Amino acid sequence: MKKLIIGLFLSISFLSPSCNNDKTVDENEITYRCPMKCEGEKTYANSENCPVCKMNLTPIDDYLKTEDGGILPESIFNLTSKWNTQNNKTIELKELKGDVLVMVMIYTTCKAACPRLVADMRSIHEKVNNDKVKYVLVSIDPETDTPERLKEFAIENQMDNDQWIFIQGTVDDVREFSNVLAVKYKQISPMDFSHSNIISVFDEDGVLHHQQEGLGVDNKETVSKIIELIK
């Protein structure tokens, strides 16, 4: 699976007419694109929703107009979904703006892959050793993983401090977020899921910079990218 890496800077190609389904788009027309680049550079003539992640398509001109302090079009902070934390607080992702974010999708009753993903997150945390980073664990089983259960899990795994954030959302919001991260999951029994094993790194503006795929892999590149984003 290819890594999904969204760069900080806009391609110079945004300044010239874009191609939509092999047709030349008039430079005076407004064209739209998914802010998460789910379909690469594909553009649309209408302001509908991305067929992949369902986010609102963004006018390409907006990529050149984002003011300091605003939310970049490719940022996950554009998602308006609300999430419950392990401390039973309701938040939006944009409230995490200002910190480098390391995110993974798990479920607490998992006995196979998820404990190893949690161990990988803990390993990254220990190597980075910087309080400017938040580690966010998103449940793919929101019906079981209530805020109370997430709190228990955080305590059991010694991840019960301000740097660790466990969140629970609706089934639809979890599915939307998994599409944004290119994480695939499927419920295969009442208490079991198959899922991708991906850890994602976002900068303080919520823009994706790096993904680590696999279990127990060498996390040197991931740690280096996090440290780079902190500076």
C-alpha atoms as a PDB file:
ATOM      1  CA  MET A   1       0.000   0.000   0.000  1.00  0.00           C
ATOM      2  CA  LYS A   2       1.385   3.332  -0.960  1.00  0.00           C
ATOM      3  CA  LYS A   3       2.035   5.850   1.767  1.00  0.00           C
ATOM      4  CA  LEU A   4      -0.252   8.802   1.729  1.00  0.00           C
ATOM      5  CA  ILE A   5       1.913  11.888   2.210  1.00  0.00           C
ATOM      6  CA  ILE A   6       0.506  15.380   1.768  1.00  0.00           C
ATOM      7  CA  GLY A   7       3.214  18.081   1.388  1.00  0.00           C
ATOM      8  CA  LEU A   8       3.323  21.506   3.006  1.00  0.00           C
ATOM      9  CA  PHE A   9       3.530  23.498  -0.187  1.00  0.00           C
ATOM     10  CA  LEU A  10       1.244  23.792  -3.179  1.00  0.00           C
ATOM     11  CA  SER A  11       2.301  22.512  -6.532  1.00  0.00           C
ATOM     12  CA  ILE A  12       2.977  25.166  -9.152  1.00  0.00           C
ATOM     13  CA  SER A  13       0.442  23.315 -11.271  1.00  0.00           C
ATOM     14  CA  PHE A  14      -2.362  24.891  -9.231  1.00  0.00           C
ATOM     15  CA  LEU A  15      -1.537  28.201 -10.920  1.00  0.00           C
ATOM     16  CA  SER A  16      -2.418  26.880 -14.363  1.00  0.00           C
ATOM     17  CA  PRO A  17      -5.634  25.420 -15.780  1.00  0.00           C
ATOM     18  CA  SER A  18      -6.393  21.933 -14.387  1.00  0.00           C
ATOM     19  CA  CYS A  19      -7.512  18.849 -16.238  1.00  0.00           C
ATOM     20  CA  ASN A  20     -10.865  17.278 -15.408  1.00  0.00           C
ATOM     21  CA  ASN A  21     -11.573  13.917 -17.060  1.00  0.00           C
ATOM     22  CA  ASP A  22      -9.177  14.739 -19.914  1.00  0.00           C
ATOM     23  CA  LYS A  23     -11.006  17.990 -20.719  1.00  0.00           C
ATOM     24  CA  THR A  24      -9.378  21.402 -20.558  1.00  0.00           C
ATOM     25  CA  VAL A  25     -10.925  23.609 -17.887  1.00  0.00           C
ATOM     26  CA  ASP A  26     -11.243  27.302 -18.705  1.00  0.00           C
ATOM     27  CA  GLU A  27      -8.931  29.312 -16.426  1.00  0.00           C
ATOM     28  CA  ASN A  28     -11.863  31.572 -15.462  1.00  0.00           C
ATOM     29  CA  GLU A  29     -13.994  28.658 -14.240  1.00  0.00           C
ATOM     30  CA  ILE A  30     -13.975  27.629 -10.589  1.00  0.00           C
ATOM     31  CA  THR A  31     -12.722  24.086 -10.178  1.00  0.00           C
ATOM     32  CA  TYR A  32     -12.833  21.984  -7.030  1.00  0.00           C
ATOM     33  CA  ARG A  33     -10.699  19.290  -5.470  1.00  0.00           C
ATOM     34  CA  CYS A  34     -10.827  17.081  -2.373  1.00  0.00           C
ATOM     35  CA  PRO A  35      -8.812  18.778   0.422  1.00  0.00           C
ATOM     36  CA  MET A  36      -7.377  15.371   1.393  1.00  0.00           C
ATOM     37  CA  LYS A  37      -6.377  14.545  -2.218  1.00  0.00           C
ATOM     38  CA  CYS A  38      -8.220  11.223  -2.047  1.00  0.00           C
ATOM     39  CA  GLU A  39      -8.120  11.062  -5.846  1.00  0.00           C
ATOM     40  CA  GLY A  40      -4.836  12.867  -6.315  1.00  0.00           C
ATOM     41  CA  GLU A  41      -5.099  15.982  -8.461  1.00  0.00           C
ATOM     42  CA  LYS A  42      -8.519  15.124  -9.898  1.00  0.00           C
ATOM     43  CA  THR A  43     -10.782  18.169 -10.114  1.00  0.00           C
ATOM     44  CA  TYR A  44     -14.528  18.698 -10.380  1.00  0.00           C
ATOM     45  CA  ALA A  45     -16.649  21.389 -11.963  1.00  0.00           C
ATOM     46  CA  ASN A  46     -19.181  21.467  -9.111  1.00  0.00           C
ATOM     47  CA  SER A  47     -18.887  21.968  -5.342  1.00  0.00           C
ATOM     48  CA  GLU A  48     -20.138  18.549  -4.306  1.00  0.00           C
ATOM     49  CA  ASN A  49     -18.665  16.058  -1.829  1.00  0.00           C
ATOM     50  CA  CYS A  50     -15.629  13.876  -2.343  1.00  0.00           C
ATOM     51  CA  PRO A  51     -16.903  10.413  -3.361  1.00  0.00           C
ATOM     52  CA  VAL A  52     -14.213   8.803  -1.172  1.00  0.00           C
ATOM     53  CA  CYS A  53     -14.033  10.677   2.165  1.00  0.00           C
ATOM     54  CA  LYS A  54     -17.286  12.683   1.769  1.00  0.00           C
ATOM     55  CA  MET A  55     -15.618  15.976   2.732  1.00  0.00           C
ATOM     56  CA  ASN A  56     -16.704  19.141   0.928  1.00  0.00           C
ATOM     57  CA  LEU A  57     -14.699  19.772  -2.229  1.00  0.00           C
ATOM     58  CA  THR A  58     -12.608  22.947  -2.043  1.00  0.00           C
ATOM     59  CA  PRO A  59     -12.153  25.587  -4.770  1.00  0.00           C
ATOM     60  CA  ILE A  60      -8.581  25.348  -6.004  1.00  0.00           C
ATOM     61  CA  ASP A  61      -8.168  29.113  -5.598  1.00  0.00           C
ATOM     62  CA  ASP A  62      -8.705  28.659  -1.859  1.00  0.00           C
ATOM     63  CA  TYR A  63      -5.380  26.864  -1.638  1.00  0.00           C
ATOM     64  CA  LEU A  64      -3.750  30.180  -2.446  1.00  0.00           C
ATOM     65  CA  LYS A  65      -5.874  32.291  -0.089  1.00  0.00           C
ATOM     66  CA  THR A  66      -5.524  30.630   3.314  1.00  0.00           C
ATOM     67  CA  GLU A  67      -4.600  33.311   5.838  1.00  0.00           C
ATOM     68  CA  ASP A  68      -2.237  32.832   8.779  1.00  0.00           C
ATOM     69  CA  GLY A  69      -4.101  31.283  11.663  1.00  0.00           C
ATOM     70  CA  GLY A  70      -6.742  29.722   9.398  1.00  0.00           C
ATOM     71  CA  ILE A  71      -7.298  26.070   8.587  1.00  0.00           C
ATOM     72  CA  LEU A  72      -5.522  24.790   5.492  1.00  0.00           C
ATOM     73  CA  PRO A  73      -7.764  23.090   2.933  1.00  0.00           C
ATOM     74  CA  GLU A  74      -5.865  19.791   3.232  1.00  0.00           C
ATOM     75  CA  SER A  75      -6.097  19.753   7.035  1.00  0.00           C
ATOM     76  CA  ILE A  76      -8.066  17.157   9.010  1.00  0.00           C
ATOM     77  CA  PHE A  77      -9.303  20.103  11.077  1.00  0.00           C
ATOM     78  CA  ASN A  78     -11.845  20.743   8.307  1.00  0.00           C
ATOM     79  CA  LEU A  79     -13.765  17.718   9.573  1.00  0.00           C
ATOM     80  CA  THR A  80     -16.691  18.893  11.690  1.00  0.00           C
ATOM     81  CA  SER A  81     -17.338  15.602  13.456  1.00  0.00           C
ATOM     82  CA  LYS A  82     -17.529  15.586  17.256  1.00  0.00           C
ATOM     83  CA  TRP A  83     -15.679  13.037  19.389  1.00  0.00           C
ATOM     84  CA  ASN A  84     -15.851  11.868  22.994  1.00  0.00           C
ATOM     85  CA  THR A  85     -12.548  11.498  24.842  1.00  0.00           C
ATOM     86  CA  GLN A  86     -11.610   9.037  27.574  1.00  0.00           C
ATOM     87  CA  ASN A  87     -12.320  11.878  30.017  1.00  0.00           C
ATOM     88  CA  ASN A  88     -15.882  12.128  28.690  1.00  0.00           C
ATOM     89  CA  LYS A  89     -15.216  15.486  27.053  1.00  0.00           C
ATOM     90  CA  THR A  90     -16.671  16.273  23.612  1.00  0.00           C
ATOM     91  CA  ILE A  91     -14.176  17.781  21.176  1.00  0.00           C
ATOM     92  CA  GLU A  92     -13.672  18.570  17.500  1.00  0.00           C
ATOM     93  CA  LEU A  93     -10.387  17.686  15.859  1.00  0.00           C
ATOM     94  CA  LYS A  94      -9.578  21.366  15.304  1.00  0.00           C
ATOM     95  CA  GLU A  95      -9.186  21.720  19.070  1.00  0.00           C
ATOM     96  CA  LEU A  96      -5.958  19.738  18.686  1.00  0.00           C
ATOM     97  CA  LYS A  97      -4.477  22.446  16.445  1.00  0.00           C
ATOM     98  CA  GLY A  98      -1.047  23.582  17.573  1.00  0.00           C
ATOM     99  CA  ASP A  99       0.419  20.179  18.430  1.00  0.00           C
ATOM    100  CA  VAL A 100       2.086  17.580  16.262  1.00  0.00           C
ATOM    101  CA  LEU A 101      -0.321  14.617  16.192  1.00  0.00           C
ATOM    102  CA  VAL A 102       0.453  10.910  15.991  1.00  0.00           C
ATOM    103  CA  MET A 103      -2.727   8.957  15.247  1.00  0.00           C
ATOM    104  CA  VAL A 104      -3.738   5.313  15.068  1.00  0.00           C
ATOM    105  CA  MET A 105      -7.070   3.491  14.792  1.00  0.00           C
ATOM    106  CA  ILE A 106      -7.616   0.562  17.187  1.00  0.00           C
ATOM    107  CA  TYR A 107     -10.287  -1.144  19.290  1.00  0.00           C
ATOM    108  CA  THR A 108      -9.792  -2.084  22.924  1.00  0.00           C
ATOM    109  CA  THR A 109     -11.041  -5.687  22.783  1.00  0.00           C
ATOM    110  CA  CYS A 110      -8.531  -6.601  20.065  1.00  0.00           C
ATOM    111  CA  LYS A 111      -6.175  -9.409  21.094  1.00  0.00           C
ATOM    112  CA  ALA A 112      -3.921  -9.508  18.048  1.00  0.00           C
ATOM    113  CA  ALA A 113      -2.804  -6.431  16.099  1.00  0.00           C
ATOM    114  CA  CYS A 114      -3.961  -3.601  18.369  1.00  0.00           C
ATOM    115  CA  PRO A 115      -1.763  -4.456  21.378  1.00  0.00           C
ATOM    116  CA  ARG A 116       1.220  -4.326  19.035  1.00  0.00           C
ATOM    117  CA  LEU A 117       0.059  -0.998  17.571  1.00  0.00           C
ATOM    118  CA  VAL A 118      -0.269   0.364  21.107  1.00  0.00           C
ATOM    119  CA  ALA A 119       3.267  -0.868  21.834  1.00  0.00           C
ATOM    120  CA  ASP A 120       4.477   0.862  18.660  1.00  0.00           C
ATOM    121  CA  MET A 121       2.817   4.111  19.763  1.00  0.00           C
ATOM    122  CA  ARG A 122       4.441   3.825  23.184  1.00  0.00           C
ATOM    123  CA  SER A 123       7.840   3.181  21.570  1.00  0.00           C
ATOM    124  CA  ILE A 124       7.470   6.295  19.393  1.00  0.00           C
ATOM    125  CA  HIS A 125       6.423   8.323  22.443  1.00  0.00           C
ATOM    126  CA  GLU A 126       9.473   7.224  24.425  1.00  0.00           C
ATOM    127  CA  LYS A 127      11.894   7.980  21.597  1.00  0.00           C
ATOM    128  CA  VAL A 128      10.423  11.412  20.785  1.00  0.00           C
ATOM    129  CA  ASN A 129      10.109  12.407  24.449  1.00  0.00           C
ATOM    130  CA  ASN A 130       8.553  15.832  23.804  1.00  0.00           C
ATOM    131  CA  ASP A 131       5.356  17.264  25.287  1.00  0.00           C
ATOM    132  CA  LYS A 132       4.549  19.182  22.079  1.00  0.00           C
ATOM    133  CA  VAL A 133       3.233  15.940  20.610  1.00  0.00           C
ATOM    134  CA  LYS A 134      -0.207  14.432  21.192  1.00  0.00           C
ATOM    135  CA  TYR A 135      -0.861  10.718  20.655  1.00  0.00           C
ATOM    136  CA  VAL A 136      -4.424  10.103  19.479  1.00  0.00           C
ATOM    137  CA  LEU A 137      -6.027   6.652  19.448  1.00  0.00           C
ATOM    138  CA  VAL A 138      -9.317   6.469  17.532  1.00  0.00           C
ATOM    139  CA  SER A 139     -11.685   3.578  18.247  1.00  0.00           C
ATOM    140  CA  ILE A 140     -13.094   1.670  15.283  1.00  0.00           C
ATOM    141  CA  ASP A 141     -15.613   0.025  17.643  1.00  0.00           C
ATOM    142  CA  PRO A 142     -17.504   2.989  19.122  1.00  0.00           C
ATOM    143  CA  GLU A 143     -20.357   0.861  20.445  1.00  0.00           C
ATOM    144  CA  THR A 144     -18.037  -1.069  22.766  1.00  0.00           C
ATOM    145  CA  ASP A 145     -15.400   1.602  23.344  1.00  0.00           C
ATOM    146  CA  THR A 146     -17.349   4.066  25.449  1.00  0.00           C
ATOM    147  CA  PRO A 147     -15.466   6.913  27.151  1.00  0.00           C
ATOM    148  CA  GLU A 148     -15.494   4.836  30.338  1.00  0.00           C
ATOM    149  CA  ARG A 149     -13.952   1.837  28.585  1.00  0.00           C
ATOM    150  CA  LEU A 150     -11.361   4.045  26.884  1.00  0.00           C
ATOM    151  CA  LYS A 151     -10.426   5.499  30.275  1.00  0.00           C
ATOM    152  CA  GLU A 152      -9.921   2.017  31.690  1.00  0.00           C
ATOM    153  CA  PHE A 153      -7.799   1.075  28.680  1.00  0.00           C
ATOM    154  CA  ALA A 154      -5.665   4.202  29.040  1.00  0.00           C
ATOM    155  CA  ILE A 155      -4.998   3.430  32.704  1.00  0.00           C
ATOM    156  CA  GLU A 156      -4.299  -0.260  32.003  1.00  0.00           C
ATOM    157  CA  ASN A 157      -1.701   0.718  29.390  1.00  0.00           C
ATOM    158  CA  GLN A 158      -0.125   3.550  31.408  1.00  0.00           C
ATOM    159  CA  MET A 159      -1.280   6.099  28.841  1.00  0.00           C
ATOM    160  CA  ASP A 160      -3.369   8.213  31.179  1.00  0.00           C
ATOM    161  CA  ASN A 161      -1.893  11.697  30.851  1.00  0.00           C
ATOM    162  CA  ASP A 162      -2.442  14.802  28.728  1.00  0.00           C
ATOM    163  CA  GLN A 163      -0.314  13.536  25.831  1.00  0.00           C
ATOM    164  CA  TRP A 164      -2.598  10.559  25.218  1.00  0.00           C
ATOM    165  CA  ILE A 165      -6.069  11.152  23.778  1.00  0.00           C
ATOM    166  CA  PHE A 166      -8.513   8.306  23.168  1.00  0.00           C
ATOM    167  CA  ILE A 167     -11.583   9.238  21.138  1.00  0.00           C
ATOM    168  CA  GLN A 168     -14.933   7.654  20.312  1.00  0.00           C
ATOM    169  CA  GLY A 169     -17.252   8.899  17.561  1.00  0.00           C
ATOM    170  CA  THR A 170     -20.323   7.756  15.698  1.00  0.00           C
ATOM    171  CA  VAL A 171     -20.068   4.841  13.286  1.00  0.00           C
ATOM    172  CA  ASP A 172     -20.388   7.255  10.339  1.00  0.00           C
ATOM    173  CA  ASP A 173     -17.741   9.641  11.675  1.00  0.00           C
ATOM    174  CA  VAL A 174     -15.319   6.782  12.292  1.00  0.00           C
ATOM    175  CA  ARG A 175     -15.856   5.546   8.745  1.00  0.00           C
ATOM    176  CA  GLU A 176     -15.305   9.042   7.346  1.00  0.00           C
ATOM    177  CA  PHE A 177     -12.102   9.447   9.333  1.00  0.00           C
ATOM    178  CA  SER A 178     -10.798   6.035   8.279  1.00  0.00           C
ATOM    179  CA  ASN A 179     -11.291   7.035   4.640  1.00  0.00           C
ATOM    180  CA  VAL A 180      -9.277  10.196   5.210  1.00  0.00           C
ATOM    181  CA  LEU A 181      -6.414   8.154   6.693  1.00  0.00           C
ATOM    182  CA  ALA A 182      -6.735   5.379   4.083  1.00  0.00           C
ATOM    183  CA  VAL A 183      -7.295   2.912   6.938  1.00  0.00           C
ATOM    184  CA  LYS A 184      -9.489  -0.020   5.934  1.00  0.00           C
ATOM    185  CA  TYR A 185     -11.446  -1.993   8.505  1.00  0.00           C
ATOM    186  CA  LYS A 186     -14.265  -4.496   8.536  1.00  0.00           C
ATOM    187  CA  GLN A 187     -16.258  -6.122  11.328  1.00  0.00           C
ATOM    188  CA  ILE A 188     -15.856  -9.878  10.999  1.00  0.00           C
ATOM    189  CA  SER A 189     -17.671 -10.920  14.190  1.00  0.00           C
ATOM    190  CA  PRO A 190     -19.603  -9.153  16.980  1.00  0.00           C
ATOM    191  CA  MET A 191     -16.357  -8.430  18.848  1.00  0.00           C
ATOM    192  CA  ASP A 192     -13.692  -8.633  16.158  1.00  0.00           C
ATOM    193  CA  PHE A 193     -12.480  -6.459  13.279  1.00  0.00           C
ATOM    194  CA  SER A 194      -9.905  -6.807  10.542  1.00  0.00           C
ATOM    195  CA  HIS A 195      -8.108  -3.530   9.901  1.00  0.00           C
ATOM    196  CA  SER A 196      -5.071  -1.775   8.446  1.00  0.00           C
ATOM    197  CA  ASN A 197      -2.117  -1.222  10.753  1.00  0.00           C
ATOM    198  CA  ILE A 198      -1.173   2.384  10.044  1.00  0.00           C
ATOM    199  CA  ILE A 199       0.243   5.122  12.279  1.00  0.00           C
ATOM    200  CA  SER A 200      -0.154   8.639  10.846  1.00  0.00           C
ATOM    201  CA  VAL A 201       1.806  11.796  11.653  1.00  0.00           C
ATOM    202  CA  PHE A 202       0.255  15.268  11.263  1.00  0.00           C
ATOM    203  CA  ASP A 203       1.828  18.676  11.699  1.00  0.00           C
ATOM    204  CA  GLU A 204       0.386  21.338  14.021  1.00  0.00           C
ATOM    205  CA  ASP A 205      -1.969  22.492  11.232  1.00  0.00           C
ATOM    206  CA  GLY A 206      -3.465  19.014  10.829  1.00  0.00           C
ATOM    207  CA  VAL A 207      -1.713  18.239   7.541  1.00  0.00           C
ATOM    208  CA  LEU A 208      -0.578  14.648   7.000  1.00  0.00           C
ATOM    209  CA  HIS A 209       3.187  14.228   6.535  1.00  0.00           C
ATOM    210  CA  HIS A 210       4.006  10.595   7.124  1.00  0.00           C
ATOM    211  CA  GLN A 211       2.490   7.142   7.585  1.00  0.00           C
ATOM    212  CA  GLN A 212       4.056   4.056   9.102  1.00  0.00           C
ATOM    213  CA  GLU A 213       2.505   0.771   8.008  1.00  0.00           C
ATOM    214  CA  GLY A 214       2.928  -2.595   9.679  1.00  0.00           C
ATOM    215  CA  LEU A 215       3.464  -4.001  13.157  1.00  0.00           C
ATOM    216  CA  GLY A 216       6.701  -3.791  15.095  1.00  0.00           C
ATOM    217  CA  VAL A 217       8.475  -2.117  12.172  1.00  0.00           C
ATOM    218  CA  ASP A 218      11.547   0.093  12.492  1.00  0.00           C
ATOM    219  CA  ASN A 219      10.102   3.457  13.542  1.00  0.00           C
ATOM    220  CA  LYS A 220      13.287   5.478  12.963  1.00  0.00           C
ATOM    221  CA  GLU A 221      11.792   7.359  10.000  1.00  0.00           C
ATOM    222  CA  THR A 222       8.582   8.090  11.904  1.00  0.00           C
ATOM    223  CA  VAL A 223      10.462   9.417  14.942  1.00  0.00           C
ATOM    224  CA  SER A 224      12.686  11.570  12.721  1.00  0.00           C
ATOM    225  CA  LYS A 225       9.672  13.082  10.964  1.00  0.00           C
ATOM    226  CA  ILE A 226       7.981  13.913  14.278  1.00  0.00           C
ATOM    227  CA  ILE A 227      11.125  15.585  15.620  1.00  0.00           C
ATOM    228  CA  GLU A 228      11.467  17.506  12.354  1.00  0.00           C
ATOM    229  CA  LEU A 229       7.908  18.819  12.657  1.00  0.00           C
ATOM    230  CA  ILE A 230       8.429  19.893  16.281  1.00  0.00           C
ATOM    231  CA  LYS A 231      11.326  22.211  15.380  1.00  0.00           C
END
